[in-house]
Amino acid sequence: MGRMLLVLGVALVMIGGIIMLLGRTGLPLGRLPGDILYRGRNTTFYFPLASSILISVVLSIVLFLIGRLRR
């Protein structure tokens, strides 16, 4: 259990670092065409649909490749 928590913590730190680096590169993650932004009078609704799909596809490919390498 402790080892799994340690691996999960390291993975979260790495993911956070990658997200910070991507933010500094000017990659429009979160501002892609297809991301929904609605600004009302007193309300703002933001749903990063295209960004979520892109991240999902990239993570699926990475996890698939890791699974293939482990065999």
PDB file of N, CA and C in Angstrom:
ATOM      1  N   MET A   1       0.826  -1.190   0.000  1.00  0.00           N
ATOM      2  CA  MET A   1       0.000   0.000   0.000  1.00  0.00           C
ATOM      3  C   MET A   1       0.873   1.258   0.000  1.00  0.00           C
ATOM      4  N   GLY A   2       1.922   1.250   0.818  1.00  0.00           N
ATOM      5  CA  GLY A   2       2.801   2.412   0.881  1.00  0.00           C
ATOM      6  C   GLY A   2       3.528   2.666  -0.421  1.00  0.00           C
ATOM      7  N   ARG A   3       3.951   1.586  -1.067  1.00  0.00           N
ATOM      8  CA  ARG A   3       4.654   1.730  -2.338  1.00  0.00           C
ATOM      9  C   ARG A   3       3.735   2.320  -3.411  1.00  0.00           C
ATOM     10  N   MET A   4       2.478   1.868  -3.413  1.00  0.00           N
ATOM     11  CA  MET A   4       1.521   2.378  -4.388  1.00  0.00           C
ATOM     12  C   MET A   4       1.267   3.877  -4.164  1.00  0.00           C
ATOM     13  N   LEU A   5       1.153   4.287  -2.916  1.00  0.00           N
ATOM     14  CA  LEU A   5       0.955   5.706  -2.619  1.00  0.00           C
ATOM     15  C   LEU A   5       2.168   6.533  -3.021  1.00  0.00           C
ATOM     16  N   LEU A   6       3.352   5.981  -2.822  1.00  0.00           N
ATOM     17  CA  LEU A   6       4.574   6.683  -3.223  1.00  0.00           C
ATOM     18  C   LEU A   6       4.633   6.867  -4.734  1.00  0.00           C
ATOM     19  N   VAL A   7       4.311   5.819  -5.477  1.00  0.00           N
ATOM     20  CA  VAL A   7       4.314   5.897  -6.942  1.00  0.00           C
ATOM     21  C   VAL A   7       3.256   6.893  -7.413  1.00  0.00           C
ATOM     22  N   LEU A   8       2.070   6.860  -6.790  1.00  0.00           N
ATOM     23  CA  LEU A   8       1.006   7.790  -7.155  1.00  0.00           C
ATOM     24  C   LEU A   8       1.426   9.232  -6.881  1.00  0.00           C
ATOM     25  N   GLY A   9       2.085   9.472  -5.761  1.00  0.00           N
ATOM     26  CA  GLY A   9       2.554  10.822  -5.437  1.00  0.00           C
ATOM     27  C   GLY A   9       3.585  11.328  -6.423  1.00  0.00           C
ATOM     28  N   VAL A  10       4.530  10.467  -6.783  1.00  0.00           N
ATOM     29  CA  VAL A  10       5.558  10.854  -7.757  1.00  0.00           C
ATOM     30  C   VAL A  10       4.920  11.131  -9.113  1.00  0.00           C
ATOM     31  N   ALA A  11       3.935  10.309  -9.498  1.00  0.00           N
ATOM     32  CA  ALA A  11       3.254  10.515 -10.777  1.00  0.00           C
ATOM     33  C   ALA A  11       2.514  11.850 -10.775  1.00  0.00           C
ATOM     34  N   LEU A  12       1.856  12.187  -9.671  1.00  0.00           N
ATOM     35  CA  LEU A  12       1.144  13.467  -9.600  1.00  0.00           C
ATOM     36  C   LEU A  12       2.103  14.652  -9.679  1.00  0.00           C
ATOM     37  N   VAL A  13       3.260  14.534  -9.046  1.00  0.00           N
ATOM     38  CA  VAL A  13       4.254  15.610  -9.113  1.00  0.00           C
ATOM     39  C   VAL A  13       4.750  15.767 -10.547  1.00  0.00           C
ATOM     40  N   MET A  14       5.002  14.655 -11.223  1.00  0.00           N
ATOM     41  CA  MET A  14       5.465  14.725 -12.610  1.00  0.00           C
ATOM     42  C   MET A  14       4.404  15.329 -13.521  1.00  0.00           C
ATOM     43  N   ILE A  15       3.154  14.936 -13.346  1.00  0.00           N
ATOM     44  CA  ILE A  15       2.072  15.484 -14.164  1.00  0.00           C
ATOM     45  C   ILE A  15       1.922  16.982 -13.915  1.00  0.00           C
ATOM     46  N   GLY A  16       2.012  17.395 -12.661  1.00  0.00           N
ATOM     47  CA  GLY A  16       1.943  18.820 -12.335  1.00  0.00           C
ATOM     48  C   GLY A  16       3.071  19.604 -12.976  1.00  0.00           C
ATOM     49  N   GLY A  17       4.278  19.047 -12.955  1.00  0.00           N
ATOM     50  CA  GLY A  17       5.418  19.709 -13.593  1.00  0.00           C
ATOM     51  C   GLY A  17       5.242  19.831 -15.094  1.00  0.00           C
ATOM     52  N   ILE A  18       4.716  18.781 -15.711  1.00  0.00           N
ATOM     53  CA  ILE A  18       4.485  18.821 -17.154  1.00  0.00           C
ATOM     54  C   ILE A  18       3.440  19.875 -17.503  1.00  0.00           C
ATOM     55  N   ILE A  19       2.382  19.946 -16.704  1.00  0.00           N
ATOM     56  CA  ILE A  19       1.346  20.946 -16.962  1.00  0.00           C
ATOM     57  C   ILE A  19       1.906  22.355 -16.804  1.00  0.00           C
ATOM     58  N   MET A  20       2.758  22.567 -15.807  1.00  0.00           N
ATOM     59  CA  MET A  20       3.374  23.883 -15.630  1.00  0.00           C
ATOM     60  C   MET A  20       4.268  24.231 -16.810  1.00  0.00           C
ATOM     61  N   LEU A  21       5.044  23.268 -17.302  1.00  0.00           N
ATOM     62  CA  LEU A  21       5.914  23.521 -18.448  1.00  0.00           C
ATOM     63  C   LEU A  21       5.099  23.794 -19.714  1.00  0.00           C
ATOM     64  N   LEU A  22       4.000  23.069 -19.895  1.00  0.00           N
ATOM     65  CA  LEU A  22       3.154  23.309 -21.071  1.00  0.00           C
ATOM     66  C   LEU A  22       2.528  24.696 -21.026  1.00  0.00           C
ATOM     67  N   GLY A  23       2.223  25.172 -19.834  1.00  0.00           N
ATOM     68  CA  GLY A  23       1.659  26.513 -19.704  1.00  0.00           C
ATOM     69  C   GLY A  23       2.644  27.594 -20.099  1.00  0.00           C
ATOM     70  N   ARG A  24       3.913  27.345 -19.899  1.00  0.00           N
ATOM     71  CA  ARG A  24       4.941  28.341 -20.245  1.00  0.00           C
ATOM     72  C   ARG A  24       5.338  28.305 -21.710  1.00  0.00           C
ATOM     73  N   THR A  25       4.996  27.225 -22.414  1.00  0.00           N
ATOM     74  CA  THR A  25       5.382  27.122 -23.816  1.00  0.00           C
ATOM     75  C   THR A  25       4.433  27.868 -24.738  1.00  0.00           C
ATOM     76  N   GLY A  26       3.300  28.292 -24.233  1.00  0.00           N
ATOM     77  CA  GLY A  26       2.340  28.995 -25.075  1.00  0.00           C
ATOM     78  C   GLY A  26       1.381  28.058 -25.772  1.00  0.00           C
ATOM     79  N   LEU A  27       1.401  26.767 -25.401  1.00  0.00           N
ATOM     80  CA  LEU A  27       0.460  25.811 -25.962  1.00  0.00           C
ATOM     81  C   LEU A  27      -0.943  26.198 -25.518  1.00  0.00           C
ATOM     82  N   PRO A  28      -1.882  26.301 -26.434  1.00  0.00           N
ATOM     83  CA  PRO A  28      -3.205  26.836 -26.072  1.00  0.00           C
ATOM     84  C   PRO A  28      -4.099  25.820 -25.377  1.00  0.00           C
ATOM     85  N   LEU A  29      -3.539  24.967 -24.542  1.00  0.00           N
ATOM     86  CA  LEU A  29      -4.335  23.987 -23.812  1.00  0.00           C
ATOM     87  C   LEU A  29      -5.300  24.719 -22.889  1.00  0.00           C
ATOM     88  N   GLY A  30      -6.569  24.474 -23.057  1.00  0.00           N
ATOM     89  CA  GLY A  30      -7.585  25.187 -22.301  1.00  0.00           C
ATOM     90  C   GLY A  30      -8.231  26.304 -23.100  1.00  0.00           C
ATOM     91  N   ARG A  31      -7.652  26.627 -24.240  1.00  0.00           N
ATOM     92  CA  ARG A  31      -8.202  27.675 -25.109  1.00  0.00           C
ATOM     93  C   ARG A  31      -8.321  27.171 -26.548  1.00  0.00           C
ATOM     94  N   LEU A  32      -8.542  25.873 -26.687  1.00  0.00           N
ATOM     95  CA  LEU A  32      -8.661  25.282 -28.017  1.00  0.00           C
ATOM     96  C   LEU A  32     -10.038  25.550 -28.602  1.00  0.00           C
ATOM     97  N   PRO A  33     -10.142  25.526 -29.938  1.00  0.00           N
ATOM     98  CA  PRO A  33     -11.477  25.601 -30.530  1.00  0.00           C
ATOM     99  C   PRO A  33     -12.264  24.367 -30.080  1.00  0.00           C
ATOM    100  N   GLY A  34     -13.443  24.570 -29.603  1.00  0.00           N
ATOM    101  CA  GLY A  34     -14.236  23.460 -29.074  1.00  0.00           C
ATOM    102  C   GLY A  34     -14.372  23.527 -27.564  1.00  0.00           C
ATOM    103  N   ASP A  35     -13.562  24.336 -26.915  1.00  0.00           N
ATOM    104  CA  ASP A  35     -13.729  24.581 -25.485  1.00  0.00           C
ATOM    105  C   ASP A  35     -14.887  25.554 -25.314  1.00  0.00           C
ATOM    106  N   ILE A  36     -15.769  25.242 -24.402  1.00  0.00           N
ATOM    107  CA  ILE A  36     -16.999  26.017 -24.240  1.00  0.00           C
ATOM    108  C   ILE A  36     -16.792  27.082 -23.171  1.00  0.00           C
ATOM    109  N   LEU A  37     -17.062  28.323 -23.530  1.00  0.00           N
ATOM    110  CA  LEU A  37     -16.979  29.445 -22.601  1.00  0.00           C
ATOM    111  C   LEU A  37     -18.228  30.291 -22.765  1.00  0.00           C
ATOM    112  N   TYR A  38     -18.974  30.430 -21.672  1.00  0.00           N
ATOM    113  CA  TYR A  38     -20.179  31.253 -21.682  1.00  0.00           C
ATOM    114  C   TYR A  38     -20.046  32.294 -20.586  1.00  0.00           C
ATOM    115  N   ARG A  39     -20.127  33.540 -20.973  1.00  0.00           N
ATOM    116  CA  ARG A  39     -20.080  34.631 -19.995  1.00  0.00           C
ATOM    117  C   ARG A  39     -21.420  35.337 -19.986  1.00  0.00           C
ATOM    118  N   GLY A  40     -22.100  35.197 -18.873  1.00  0.00           N
ATOM    119  CA  GLY A  40     -23.380  35.886 -18.700  1.00  0.00           C
ATOM    120  C   GLY A  40     -23.144  37.172 -17.929  1.00  0.00           C
ATOM    121  N   ARG A  41     -24.203  37.727 -17.454  1.00  0.00           N
ATOM    122  CA  ARG A  41     -24.109  38.969 -16.705  1.00  0.00           C
ATOM    123  C   ARG A  41     -23.363  38.777 -15.384  1.00  0.00           C
ATOM    124  N   ASN A  42     -23.782  37.780 -14.621  1.00  0.00           N
ATOM    125  CA  ASN A  42     -23.152  37.512 -13.320  1.00  0.00           C
ATOM    126  C   ASN A  42     -22.521  36.131 -13.254  1.00  0.00           C
ATOM    127  N   THR A  43     -22.424  35.460 -14.377  1.00  0.00           N
ATOM    128  CA  THR A  43     -21.992  34.075 -14.388  1.00  0.00           C
ATOM    129  C   THR A  43     -20.963  33.841 -15.485  1.00  0.00           C
ATOM    130  N   THR A  44     -20.041  32.964 -15.202  1.00  0.00           N
ATOM    131  CA  THR A  44     -19.124  32.487 -16.224  1.00  0.00           C
ATOM    132  C   THR A  44     -19.096  30.970 -16.149  1.00  0.00           C
ATOM    133  N   PHE A  45     -19.318  30.311 -17.273  1.00  0.00           N
ATOM    134  CA  PHE A  45     -19.287  28.859 -17.355  1.00  0.00           C
ATOM    135  C   PHE A  45     -18.200  28.486 -18.345  1.00  0.00           C
ATOM    136  N   TYR A  46     -17.283  27.620 -17.915  1.00  0.00           N
ATOM    137  CA  TYR A  46     -16.171  27.206 -18.762  1.00  0.00           C
ATOM    138  C   TYR A  46     -16.070  25.698 -18.716  1.00  0.00           C
ATOM    139  N   PHE A  47     -16.101  25.061 -19.869  1.00  0.00           N
ATOM    140  CA  PHE A  47     -15.930  23.615 -19.956  1.00  0.00           C
ATOM    141  C   PHE A  47     -14.937  23.318 -21.072  1.00  0.00           C
ATOM    142  N   PRO A  48     -13.734  22.855 -20.725  1.00  0.00           N
ATOM    143  CA  PRO A  48     -12.695  22.603 -21.737  1.00  0.00           C
ATOM    144  C   PRO A  48     -12.911  21.270 -22.449  1.00  0.00           C
ATOM    145  N   LEU A  49     -13.902  21.192 -23.301  1.00  0.00           N
ATOM    146  CA  LEU A  49     -14.267  19.948 -23.974  1.00  0.00           C
ATOM    147  C   LEU A  49     -13.150  19.447 -24.890  1.00  0.00           C
ATOM    148  N   ALA A  50     -12.681  20.280 -25.793  1.00  0.00           N
ATOM    149  CA  ALA A  50     -11.641  19.859 -26.741  1.00  0.00           C
ATOM    150  C   ALA A  50     -10.334  19.544 -26.017  1.00  0.00           C
ATOM    151  N   SER A  51      -9.988  20.319 -25.007  1.00  0.00           N
ATOM    152  CA  SER A  51      -8.772  20.059 -24.246  1.00  0.00           C
ATOM    153  C   SER A  51      -8.869  18.737 -23.502  1.00  0.00           C
ATOM    154  N   SER A  52     -10.048  18.440 -22.943  1.00  0.00           N
ATOM    155  CA  SER A  52     -10.247  17.176 -22.230  1.00  0.00           C
ATOM    156  C   SER A  52     -10.113  15.985 -23.169  1.00  0.00           C
ATOM    157  N   ILE A  53     -10.675  16.108 -24.357  1.00  0.00           N
ATOM    158  CA  ILE A  53     -10.578  15.019 -25.331  1.00  0.00           C
ATOM    159  C   ILE A  53      -9.127  14.823 -25.766  1.00  0.00           C
ATOM    160  N   LEU A  54      -8.410  15.911 -26.004  1.00  0.00           N
ATOM    161  CA  LEU A  54      -7.009  15.825 -26.409  1.00  0.00           C
ATOM    162  C   LEU A  54      -6.164  15.163 -25.323  1.00  0.00           C
ATOM    163  N   ILE A  55      -6.350  15.572 -24.083  1.00  0.00           N
ATOM    164  CA  ILE A  55      -5.595  14.979 -22.971  1.00  0.00           C
ATOM    165  C   ILE A  55      -5.942  13.500 -22.824  1.00  0.00           C
ATOM    166  N   SER A  56      -7.217  13.151 -22.993  1.00  0.00           N
ATOM    167  CA  SER A  56      -7.640  11.762 -22.898  1.00  0.00           C
ATOM    168  C   SER A  56      -6.992  10.893 -23.967  1.00  0.00           C
ATOM    169  N   VAL A  57      -6.934  11.387 -25.190  1.00  0.00           N
ATOM    170  CA  VAL A  57      -6.317  10.628 -26.281  1.00  0.00           C
ATOM    171  C   VAL A  57      -4.823  10.441 -26.029  1.00  0.00           C
ATOM    172  N   VAL A  58      -4.150  11.504 -25.622  1.00  0.00           N
ATOM    173  CA  VAL A  58      -2.707  11.414 -25.371  1.00  0.00           C
ATOM    174  C   VAL A  58      -2.420  10.451 -24.224  1.00  0.00           C
ATOM    175  N   LEU A  59      -3.164  10.544 -23.127  1.00  0.00           N
ATOM    176  CA  LEU A  59      -2.947   9.632 -22.006  1.00  0.00           C
ATOM    177  C   LEU A  59      -3.277   8.191 -22.374  1.00  0.00           C
ATOM    178  N   SER A  60      -4.293   7.973 -23.194  1.00  0.00           N
ATOM    179  CA  SER A  60      -4.630   6.619 -23.637  1.00  0.00           C
ATOM    180  C   SER A  60      -3.488   6.013 -24.445  1.00  0.00           C
ATOM    181  N   ILE A  61      -2.911   6.798 -25.328  1.00  0.00           N
ATOM    182  CA  ILE A  61      -1.788   6.306 -26.135  1.00  0.00           C
ATOM    183  C   ILE A  61      -0.589   6.007 -25.251  1.00  0.00           C
ATOM    184  N   VAL A  62      -0.275   6.894 -24.321  1.00  0.00           N
ATOM    185  CA  VAL A  62       0.873   6.683 -23.429  1.00  0.00           C
ATOM    186  C   VAL A  62       0.670   5.437 -22.586  1.00  0.00           C
ATOM    187  N   LEU A  63      -0.506   5.277 -21.997  1.00  0.00           N
ATOM    188  CA  LEU A  63      -0.756   4.102 -21.165  1.00  0.00           C
ATOM    189  C   LEU A  63      -0.782   2.816 -21.995  1.00  0.00           C
ATOM    190  N   PHE A  64      -1.265   2.880 -23.229  1.00  0.00           N
ATOM    191  CA  PHE A  64      -1.221   1.723 -24.108  1.00  0.00           C
ATOM    192  C   PHE A  64       0.221   1.312 -24.391  1.00  0.00           C
ATOM    193  N   LEU A  65       1.071   2.306 -24.677  1.00  0.00           N
ATOM    194  CA  LEU A  65       2.473   1.995 -24.966  1.00  0.00           C
ATOM    195  C   LEU A  65       3.188   1.450 -23.734  1.00  0.00           C
ATOM    196  N   ILE A  66       2.879   1.984 -22.561  1.00  0.00           N
ATOM    197  CA  ILE A  66       3.485   1.459 -21.329  1.00  0.00           C
ATOM    198  C   ILE A  66       3.043   0.028 -21.097  1.00  0.00           C
ATOM    199  N   GLY A  67       1.773  -0.270 -21.355  1.00  0.00           N
ATOM    200  CA  GLY A  67       1.280  -1.626 -21.216  1.00  0.00           C
ATOM    201  C   GLY A  67       1.938  -2.593 -22.190  1.00  0.00           C
ATOM    202  N   ARG A  68       2.191  -2.133 -23.394  1.00  0.00           N
ATOM    203  CA  ARG A  68       2.869  -2.987 -24.393  1.00  0.00           C
ATOM    204  C   ARG A  68       4.319  -3.245 -24.015  1.00  0.00           C
ATOM    205  N   LEU A  69       4.975  -2.262 -23.433  1.00  0.00           N
ATOM    206  CA  LEU A  69       6.376  -2.419 -23.040  1.00  0.00           C
ATOM    207  C   LEU A  69       6.538  -3.343 -21.831  1.00  0.00           C
ATOM    208  N   ARG A  70       5.537  -3.408 -20.984  1.00  0.00           N
ATOM    209  CA  ARG A  70       5.621  -4.226 -19.782  1.00  0.00           C
ATOM    210  C   ARG A  70       5.478  -5.710 -20.091  1.00  0.00           C
ATOM    211  N   ARG A  71       4.962  -6.079 -21.244  1.00  0.00           N
ATOM    212  CA  ARG A  71       4.767  -7.498 -21.591  1.00  0.00           C
ATOM    213  C   ARG A  71       6.039  -8.172 -21.897  1.00  0.00           C
TER     214      ARG A  71
END
